[in-house]
Amino acid sequence: MTQERYVRLARPGEGRIIAGVCAGLGAHVGVDPVVLRVAFAVLTLAGGQGIVLYVVAALLMPSDQRRTAPIEQMLRRRYDAGGALVILGGLLALLTLVTAIGHGFSGNALAEVTVFALVVLVAHARKVDFAEIARTLPERLQGHPLEPEPPAVDLAKPAPAPGRQEPLPEGMVDLALLGERRRGTPPPESPPAGKPEKPGRPHGCGPKSRLTTVTLLGAAAAAAAMIPVVNAQDPGGAYGANMMLAAALAVVGLGLLVGGWAGRPRGLATTGTLLTLSLLTSTAVAEAPGGTRYGDVQWRPVDATGAGQTYRLAVGSGRLDLTSLPLAPGRRIPVEAVVLAGSLKVIVPDGARVEVNGETLFGDLTVDGRISGGPGAKAVTVLEPVRAVADPPVIELRIRARVADVEVRRG
């Protein structure tokens, strides 16, 4: 009995950018990997759950159909494609529930709930039987017994010619061949030369459904219908864009749901994902506190009282220069910087002790030449003054970034 008796969810060697998770998922479920990458980016920006989900998927998906993934080696069980998708879907549902409970109706929770709803609707459009999944859940989570890895192929040994098998060792009988001779079954014949077999029609390549066109027109109409409401309640505000995007996204979600019965709504999953990303961006702008800056920004506080504010950068490149602060001996000055996406450089004076407490969700965090990289990079350290001071002033520097590169260095 071979290992290939069930379909695996694997990471292909081609088309990968980081680990091949989106390429493998897209090839199995029939969704463009770009759409999946956007969905992971949305979940990452919303609260970092995209990184957790991606890492788990990379550990659960083997690099080849016949290989064993790291999680499978640890649990001594192998998971088929259905079992792996159930595990990833359950983790996504759990992370979405935690965010919704912890953040209420915030933009982050709205983005994650929307992504989860799109995943459910796409699964329904692909004829996924949720009742069958619930019934067989214990068996899917149990997996299959772990079998040994296939032996390595000897590249120096020539492969047998097509249609021929290597002779068995002396004393062994080919039971399959013996059974065929007894039953009188003729050996399989190859197709006649010059008459190649016609490839079957790929799955889902029927006539283009009109549902996509109708849904997109309905989404545009729903967004347009919100314009009078926006002008009455939030003219010129960012929340107006949220209302229009939410109306369009609701129609696209309805189209995906109807597509499960009426046809294959091509392009709606991509449209829904892009609308979700736009809604996340618009919500972040709407919920940004006062004083949030965008683009290329430079701060150079010259008074210790004003330096205690929070410097906020939504998207762009920022530079916070603290070298012009009049620092009195023994004085403590709190400074906080918040970055959503982009980069930030903080220049600190030589004569101050700097207590750095920095954290970036995704990016590099460099403090005085020491780099902390990868997801969830943190740095809690103290930079002593360059020159000895009896009672040096102290700068309490707190940095919080999401998708950004942050550098703290002396002036």
Protein backbone atom coordinates (compact mmCIF):
# COMPACT_ATOMS: atom_id res chain seq x y z
CA MET A 1 0.00 0.00 0.00
CA THR A 2 1.50 3.33 -1.05
CA GLN A 3 1.44 6.69 0.60
CA GLU A 4 -0.44 8.35 -2.28
CA ARG A 5 -3.86 6.92 -1.44
CA TYR A 6 -5.15 10.35 -0.39
CA VAL A 7 -4.60 13.89 -1.66
CA ARG A 8 -2.18 16.09 0.28
CA LEU A 9 -2.12 19.86 0.64
CA ALA A 10 1.47 20.64 -0.32
CA ARG A 11 3.61 23.71 -1.00
CA PRO A 12 4.78 23.62 -4.65
CA GLY A 13 8.34 24.38 -5.62
CA GLU A 14 7.26 26.87 -8.30
CA GLY A 15 5.32 30.09 -7.88
CA ARG A 16 6.30 30.59 -4.25
CA ILE A 17 7.39 33.93 -2.78
CA ILE A 18 8.18 33.07 0.86
CA ALA A 19 7.24 29.49 1.70
CA GLY A 20 4.72 28.64 -1.01
CA VAL A 21 1.66 28.56 1.27
CA CYS A 22 -0.51 30.77 -0.94
CA ALA A 23 0.64 28.97 -4.09
CA GLY A 24 -0.28 25.59 -2.58
CA LEU A 25 -3.63 26.75 -1.23
CA GLY A 26 -4.50 28.49 -4.49
CA ALA A 27 -3.66 25.43 -6.61
CA HIS A 28 -5.84 23.19 -4.43
CA VAL A 29 -8.93 25.36 -3.98
CA GLY A 30 -8.81 27.04 -7.41
CA VAL A 31 -8.19 30.61 -6.23
CA ASP A 32 -5.54 32.97 -7.58
CA PRO A 33 -2.60 33.03 -5.11
CA VAL A 34 -2.54 36.84 -5.37
CA VAL A 35 -5.98 36.94 -3.75
CA LEU A 36 -4.76 34.76 -0.90
CA ARG A 37 -1.67 36.93 -0.40
CA VAL A 38 -3.90 40.01 -0.15
CA ALA A 39 -6.08 38.18 2.40
CA PHE A 40 -3.03 37.30 4.51
CA ALA A 41 -1.88 40.92 4.27
CA VAL A 42 -5.29 42.12 5.46
CA LEU A 43 -5.18 39.77 8.46
CA THR A 44 -1.62 40.87 9.23
CA LEU A 45 -2.48 44.58 9.16
CA ALA A 46 -5.67 44.00 11.14
CA GLY A 47 -3.93 42.50 14.14
CA GLY A 48 -1.11 40.17 13.18
CA GLN A 49 -3.25 37.05 12.90
CA GLY A 50 -2.15 36.61 9.29
CA ILE A 51 1.41 35.87 10.43
CA VAL A 52 0.23 33.22 12.90
CA LEU A 53 -1.99 31.58 10.29
CA TYR A 54 0.76 31.63 7.65
CA VAL A 55 3.36 30.08 9.95
CA VAL A 56 0.98 27.30 11.01
CA ALA A 57 0.11 26.61 7.37
CA ALA A 58 3.79 26.42 6.42
CA LEU A 59 4.42 23.91 9.23
CA LEU A 60 1.33 21.87 8.32
CA MET A 61 1.85 21.71 4.55
CA PRO A 62 4.67 19.47 3.31
CA SER A 63 7.02 20.62 0.58
CA ASP A 64 5.99 17.65 -1.56
CA GLN A 65 2.98 15.37 -1.84
CA ARG A 66 5.00 12.39 -0.57
CA ARG A 67 6.86 14.18 2.22
CA THR A 68 5.99 14.81 5.85
CA ALA A 69 5.38 18.29 7.26
CA PRO A 70 7.04 19.43 10.54
CA ILE A 71 3.75 19.30 12.48
CA GLU A 72 3.07 15.82 11.12
CA GLN A 73 6.51 14.65 12.26
CA MET A 74 5.86 16.04 15.72
CA LEU A 75 2.39 14.47 16.04
CA ARG A 76 3.35 11.26 14.21
CA ARG A 77 0.25 11.65 12.03
CA ARG A 78 -0.29 12.62 8.38
CA TYR A 79 -3.15 14.91 7.29
CA ASP A 80 -4.84 14.85 3.92
CA ALA A 81 -5.91 18.05 2.17
CA GLY A 82 -9.35 18.05 3.80
CA GLY A 83 -7.92 17.63 7.29
CA ALA A 84 -5.33 20.38 6.77
CA LEU A 85 -7.97 22.80 5.49
CA VAL A 86 -10.22 22.02 8.47
CA ILE A 87 -7.36 22.79 10.87
CA LEU A 88 -6.50 26.07 9.13
CA GLY A 89 -10.18 27.05 8.90
CA GLY A 90 -10.73 26.31 12.58
CA LEU A 91 -7.68 28.40 13.51
CA LEU A 92 -8.94 31.29 11.39
CA ALA A 93 -12.35 31.07 13.06
CA LEU A 94 -10.76 31.05 16.52
CA LEU A 95 -8.54 34.06 15.79
CA THR A 96 -11.49 35.95 14.31
CA LEU A 97 -13.62 35.20 17.38
CA VAL A 98 -10.88 36.36 19.76
CA THR A 99 -10.44 39.62 17.85
CA ALA A 100 -14.18 40.26 17.65
CA ILE A 101 -14.59 39.72 21.41
CA GLY A 102 -11.53 41.74 22.36
CA HIS A 103 -11.98 44.70 19.99
CA GLY A 104 -15.74 44.91 19.50
CA PHE A 105 -16.74 46.84 16.39
CA SER A 106 -13.30 48.24 15.62
CA GLY A 107 -11.86 48.36 12.13
CA ASN A 108 -9.54 45.43 12.86
CA ALA A 109 -12.41 43.21 13.97
CA LEU A 110 -14.50 44.25 10.97
CA ALA A 111 -11.69 43.39 8.55
CA GLU A 112 -11.08 39.95 10.07
CA VAL A 113 -14.79 39.09 10.20
CA THR A 114 -15.09 40.14 6.55
CA VAL A 115 -12.17 37.95 5.49
CA PHE A 116 -13.62 35.01 7.41
CA ALA A 117 -17.04 35.55 5.79
CA LEU A 118 -15.43 35.61 2.34
CA VAL A 119 -13.62 32.34 3.10
CA VAL A 120 -16.90 30.70 4.13
CA LEU A 121 -18.72 32.01 1.06
CA VAL A 122 -15.99 30.87 -1.32
CA ALA A 123 -16.01 27.43 0.32
CA HIS A 124 -19.76 27.26 -0.13
CA ALA A 125 -19.41 28.28 -3.78
CA ARG A 126 -16.96 25.38 -4.19
CA LYS A 127 -19.70 22.98 -2.98
CA VAL A 128 -18.09 22.30 0.40
CA ASP A 129 -20.42 20.19 2.55
CA PHE A 130 -20.15 21.76 6.02
CA ALA A 131 -22.47 19.16 7.54
CA GLU A 132 -20.20 16.36 6.31
CA ILE A 133 -17.15 18.18 7.70
CA ALA A 134 -18.80 18.50 11.12
CA ARG A 135 -19.76 14.81 11.10
CA THR A 136 -16.27 13.60 10.18
CA LEU A 137 -14.40 16.18 12.27
CA PRO A 138 -12.91 13.66 14.78
CA GLU A 139 -11.60 11.48 11.95
CA ARG A 140 -10.14 14.47 10.10
CA LEU A 141 -8.34 15.74 13.20
CA GLN A 142 -7.03 12.25 13.93
CA GLY A 143 -5.28 12.08 10.57
CA HIS A 144 -3.57 9.02 9.11
CA PRO A 145 -0.80 6.84 10.53
CA LEU A 146 2.63 8.20 9.75
CA GLU A 147 4.41 6.11 7.16
CA PRO A 148 8.14 6.12 6.38
CA GLU A 149 9.50 8.60 3.88
CA PRO A 150 9.89 7.25 0.32
CA PRO A 151 13.40 6.06 -0.48
CA ALA A 152 15.70 8.43 -2.26
CA VAL A 153 15.95 7.97 -6.02
CA ASP A 154 19.31 6.76 -7.28
CA LEU A 155 20.04 9.23 -10.07
CA ALA A 156 22.99 7.17 -11.27
CA LYS A 157 20.75 4.19 -11.99
CA PRO A 158 18.96 4.44 -15.36
CA ALA A 159 15.20 4.48 -15.20
CA PRO A 160 13.29 1.64 -16.89
CA ALA A 161 11.86 2.30 -20.33
CA PRO A 162 8.23 3.44 -20.49
CA GLY A 163 5.82 0.51 -20.34
CA ARG A 164 8.46 -1.85 -18.95
CA GLN A 165 9.19 -2.91 -15.39
CA GLU A 166 12.46 -3.94 -13.87
CA PRO A 167 12.84 -7.70 -13.45
CA LEU A 168 12.00 -9.01 -10.00
CA PRO A 169 14.72 -10.63 -7.92
CA GLU A 170 15.22 -14.34 -8.41
CA GLY A 171 12.62 -16.45 -6.60
CA MET A 172 9.89 -13.76 -6.58
CA VAL A 173 6.66 -13.93 -8.60
CA ASP A 174 4.79 -10.95 -10.05
CA LEU A 175 1.35 -11.64 -8.57
CA ALA A 176 -0.34 -8.91 -10.61
CA LEU A 177 0.91 -10.35 -13.89
CA LEU A 178 -0.01 -13.88 -12.81
CA GLY A 179 -3.56 -12.79 -11.94
CA GLU A 180 -4.00 -11.07 -15.30
CA ARG A 181 -2.90 -14.22 -17.16
CA ARG A 182 -5.34 -16.37 -15.22
CA ARG A 183 -8.24 -14.01 -15.87
CA GLY A 184 -7.25 -13.57 -19.49
CA THR A 185 -7.01 -9.79 -19.09
CA PRO A 186 -5.02 -8.29 -21.97
CA PRO A 187 -2.17 -5.96 -21.04
CA PRO A 188 -2.90 -2.24 -21.25
CA GLU A 189 -2.32 -0.79 -24.68
CA SER A 190 -0.91 2.62 -25.37
CA PRO A 191 -2.98 4.98 -27.57
CA PRO A 192 -2.32 4.73 -31.32
CA ALA A 193 0.43 6.95 -32.65
CA GLY A 194 -0.75 10.15 -34.24
CA LYS A 195 -4.02 10.20 -32.26
CA PRO A 196 -3.33 11.93 -28.98
CA GLU A 197 -6.00 11.72 -26.36
CA LYS A 198 -8.22 14.73 -26.03
CA PRO A 199 -7.75 16.39 -22.69
CA GLY A 200 -10.87 16.64 -20.61
CA ARG A 201 -12.43 19.94 -19.90
CA PRO A 202 -10.90 21.50 -16.78
CA HIS A 203 -13.14 21.61 -13.78
CA GLY A 204 -15.31 24.69 -13.66
CA CYS A 205 -14.67 25.84 -17.25
CA GLY A 206 -18.27 26.06 -18.34
CA PRO A 207 -19.89 29.06 -19.98
CA LYS A 208 -19.22 32.26 -18.17
CA SER A 209 -21.90 33.02 -15.65
CA ARG A 210 -23.75 36.31 -15.82
CA LEU A 211 -23.84 36.38 -12.05
CA THR A 212 -20.49 38.17 -11.85
CA THR A 213 -21.67 41.05 -14.06
CA VAL A 214 -24.97 41.36 -12.21
CA THR A 215 -23.22 41.30 -8.82
CA LEU A 216 -20.65 43.94 -9.77
CA LEU A 217 -23.37 46.21 -11.12
CA GLY A 218 -25.36 45.65 -7.93
CA ALA A 219 -22.32 46.48 -5.80
CA ALA A 220 -21.77 49.72 -7.71
CA ALA A 221 -25.47 50.58 -7.33
CA ALA A 222 -25.37 49.87 -3.58
CA ALA A 223 -22.33 52.12 -3.15
CA ALA A 224 -24.03 54.87 -5.17
CA ALA A 225 -27.22 54.53 -3.11
CA MET A 226 -25.22 55.35 0.03
CA ILE A 227 -24.09 58.72 -1.31
CA PRO A 228 -27.20 60.64 -0.08
CA VAL A 229 -26.82 59.01 3.34
CA VAL A 230 -23.14 59.94 3.46
CA ASN A 231 -23.84 63.54 2.45
CA ALA A 232 -26.45 63.80 5.19
CA GLN A 233 -24.52 62.14 8.03
CA ASP A 234 -20.79 62.44 7.31
CA PRO A 235 -20.12 64.83 4.41
CA GLY A 236 -16.48 64.72 3.44
CA GLY A 237 -15.60 62.33 6.26
CA ALA A 238 -13.71 59.05 6.13
CA TYR A 239 -16.62 57.13 7.62
CA GLY A 240 -18.62 57.90 4.49
CA ALA A 241 -16.18 55.87 2.42
CA ASN A 242 -16.55 53.04 4.94
CA MET A 243 -20.33 53.03 4.48
CA MET A 244 -20.04 52.87 0.70
CA LEU A 245 -17.41 50.12 0.76
CA ALA A 246 -19.42 48.09 3.28
CA ALA A 247 -22.54 48.29 1.08
CA ALA A 248 -20.61 47.13 -1.99
CA LEU A 249 -18.93 44.35 -0.01
CA ALA A 250 -22.29 43.09 1.25
CA VAL A 251 -23.57 42.75 -2.32
CA VAL A 252 -20.39 40.91 -3.39
CA GLY A 253 -20.78 38.54 -0.45
CA LEU A 254 -24.38 37.87 -1.46
CA GLY A 255 -23.20 37.17 -5.01
CA LEU A 256 -20.70 34.62 -3.72
CA LEU A 257 -23.44 32.97 -1.68
CA VAL A 258 -25.83 32.79 -4.65
CA GLY A 259 -22.98 31.54 -6.82
CA GLY A 260 -22.93 28.34 -4.81
CA TRP A 261 -26.18 27.36 -6.49
CA ALA A 262 -26.57 29.48 -9.63
CA GLY A 263 -23.12 29.21 -11.20
CA ARG A 264 -19.45 30.05 -10.82
CA PRO A 265 -19.05 33.75 -10.02
CA ARG A 266 -15.60 34.34 -11.47
CA GLY A 267 -13.69 37.28 -10.11
CA LEU A 268 -15.98 37.93 -7.14
CA ALA A 269 -13.52 36.46 -4.63
CA THR A 270 -10.83 38.82 -5.94
CA THR A 271 -13.22 41.76 -5.85
CA GLY A 272 -14.32 40.93 -2.31
CA THR A 273 -10.72 40.68 -1.10
CA LEU A 274 -9.76 44.01 -2.65
CA LEU A 275 -12.85 45.64 -1.16
CA THR A 276 -11.88 44.22 2.23
CA LEU A 277 -8.38 45.68 1.94
CA SER A 278 -9.84 49.04 0.93
CA LEU A 279 -12.28 48.91 3.84
CA LEU A 280 -9.43 48.15 6.24
CA THR A 281 -7.39 51.09 4.94
CA SER A 282 -10.36 53.44 5.07
CA THR A 283 -11.21 52.33 8.60
CA ALA A 284 -7.63 52.86 9.74
CA VAL A 285 -7.72 56.40 8.36
CA ALA A 286 -11.11 57.11 9.94
CA GLU A 287 -10.07 55.79 13.35
CA ALA A 288 -6.65 57.43 13.35
CA PRO A 289 -6.28 59.78 16.33
CA GLY A 290 -5.81 63.48 15.85
CA GLY A 291 -2.31 64.51 14.79
CA THR A 292 -1.67 61.39 12.69
CA ARG A 293 0.62 62.22 9.76
CA TYR A 294 1.09 60.70 6.30
CA GLY A 295 3.94 60.70 3.77
CA ASP A 296 7.44 62.00 4.51
CA VAL A 297 7.39 63.56 7.98
CA GLN A 298 10.09 65.12 10.18
CA TRP A 299 9.75 66.03 13.84
CA ARG A 300 12.35 68.08 15.73
CA PRO A 301 11.03 69.09 19.15
CA VAL A 302 12.94 71.90 20.81
CA ASP A 303 11.16 71.99 24.14
CA ALA A 304 11.06 69.20 26.68
CA THR A 305 7.41 69.84 27.52
CA GLY A 306 6.25 69.36 23.94
CA ALA A 307 8.44 66.31 23.45
CA GLY A 308 6.18 64.26 25.72
CA GLN A 309 3.50 63.90 23.04
CA THR A 310 2.82 60.86 20.85
CA TYR A 311 4.22 61.04 17.34
CA ARG A 312 1.91 59.15 14.96
CA LEU A 313 2.66 58.10 11.40
CA ALA A 314 0.00 56.21 9.42
CA VAL A 315 1.78 55.49 6.14
CA GLY A 316 5.11 56.92 5.01
CA SER A 317 8.63 57.68 6.17
CA GLY A 318 9.23 59.49 9.46
CA ARG A 319 12.26 61.03 11.21
CA LEU A 320 12.12 61.99 14.88
CA ASP A 321 15.14 64.07 15.91
CA LEU A 322 15.47 64.52 19.70
CA THR A 323 18.94 66.06 19.68
CA SER A 324 17.67 69.64 20.08
CA LEU A 325 15.91 69.00 23.38
CA PRO A 326 17.17 71.09 26.32
CA LEU A 327 17.85 68.28 28.78
CA ALA A 328 18.27 69.09 32.46
CA PRO A 329 20.20 66.68 34.72
CA GLY A 330 17.96 64.05 36.29
CA ARG A 331 14.91 64.94 34.21
CA ARG A 332 12.78 62.16 32.67
CA ILE A 333 11.02 62.80 29.37
CA PRO A 334 8.52 60.27 27.97
CA VAL A 335 8.40 60.01 24.17
CA GLU A 336 6.08 57.69 22.24
CA ALA A 337 6.07 56.95 18.49
CA VAL A 338 3.41 54.91 16.67
CA VAL A 339 3.79 53.75 13.05
CA LEU A 340 1.24 51.81 11.00
CA ALA A 341 3.23 51.17 7.80
CA GLY A 342 6.49 52.55 6.49
CA SER A 343 9.72 53.45 8.27
CA LEU A 344 10.86 55.53 11.22
CA LYS A 345 14.27 56.84 12.31
CA VAL A 346 14.73 58.18 15.83
CA ILE A 347 17.84 60.25 16.58
CA VAL A 348 18.67 60.51 20.30
CA PRO A 349 21.18 62.87 21.96
CA ASP A 350 24.59 61.66 23.11
CA GLY A 351 24.30 63.07 26.62
CA ALA A 352 21.07 61.31 27.63
CA ARG A 353 20.29 57.87 28.92
CA VAL A 354 17.67 56.37 26.61
CA GLU A 355 15.38 53.61 27.86
CA VAL A 356 14.13 51.95 24.67
CA ASN A 357 10.97 49.86 24.63
CA GLY A 358 10.30 49.06 20.98
CA GLU A 359 8.10 46.55 19.19
CA THR A 360 7.24 46.02 15.54
CA LEU A 361 4.72 43.49 14.30
CA PHE A 362 6.45 42.87 10.98
CA GLY A 363 9.77 44.45 10.06
CA ASP A 364 13.26 45.20 11.41
CA LEU A 365 13.95 46.97 14.68
CA THR A 366 17.48 48.38 14.89
CA VAL A 367 18.73 49.92 18.14
CA ASP A 368 22.26 51.35 18.17
CA GLY A 369 23.33 49.00 15.37
CA ARG A 370 21.77 45.85 16.85
CA ILE A 371 19.06 44.42 14.59
CA SER A 372 16.02 42.46 15.69
CA GLY A 373 14.11 41.09 12.71
CA GLY A 374 11.19 38.88 11.86
CA PRO A 375 7.59 38.89 12.99
CA GLY A 376 7.06 40.34 16.45
CA ALA A 377 10.52 41.90 16.82
CA LYS A 378 11.09 43.48 20.24
CA ALA A 379 13.86 45.49 21.86
CA VAL A 380 13.97 46.49 25.53
CA THR A 381 17.35 48.02 26.29
CA VAL A 382 19.10 51.05 27.77
CA LEU A 383 21.51 53.26 25.86
CA GLU A 384 23.95 54.88 28.28
CA PRO A 385 25.28 58.41 27.60
CA VAL A 386 28.32 58.64 25.37
CA ARG A 387 30.09 60.85 27.91
CA ALA A 388 29.97 60.25 31.65
CA VAL A 389 27.38 62.38 33.45
CA ALA A 390 26.72 62.30 37.19
CA ASP A 391 22.92 62.51 36.92
CA PRO A 392 22.07 62.16 33.23
CA PRO A 393 18.67 63.08 31.83
CA VAL A 394 16.53 60.11 30.83
CA ILE A 395 14.42 59.71 27.70
CA GLU A 396 11.73 57.04 27.99
CA LEU A 397 11.34 56.04 24.34
CA ARG A 398 8.37 53.81 23.54
CA ILE A 399 7.88 52.69 19.91
CA ARG A 400 5.00 50.66 18.54
CA ALA A 401 4.94 49.74 14.84
CA ARG A 402 2.95 47.32 12.73
CA VAL A 403 4.50 46.89 9.28
CA ALA A 404 7.54 49.11 9.45
CA ASP A 405 11.32 49.28 9.77
CA VAL A 406 12.43 51.24 12.84
CA GLU A 407 15.92 52.51 13.68
CA VAL A 408 17.12 54.20 16.89
CA ARG A 409 20.61 55.70 16.85
CA ARG A 410 22.73 58.40 18.38
CA GLY A 411 22.99 61.81 16.75
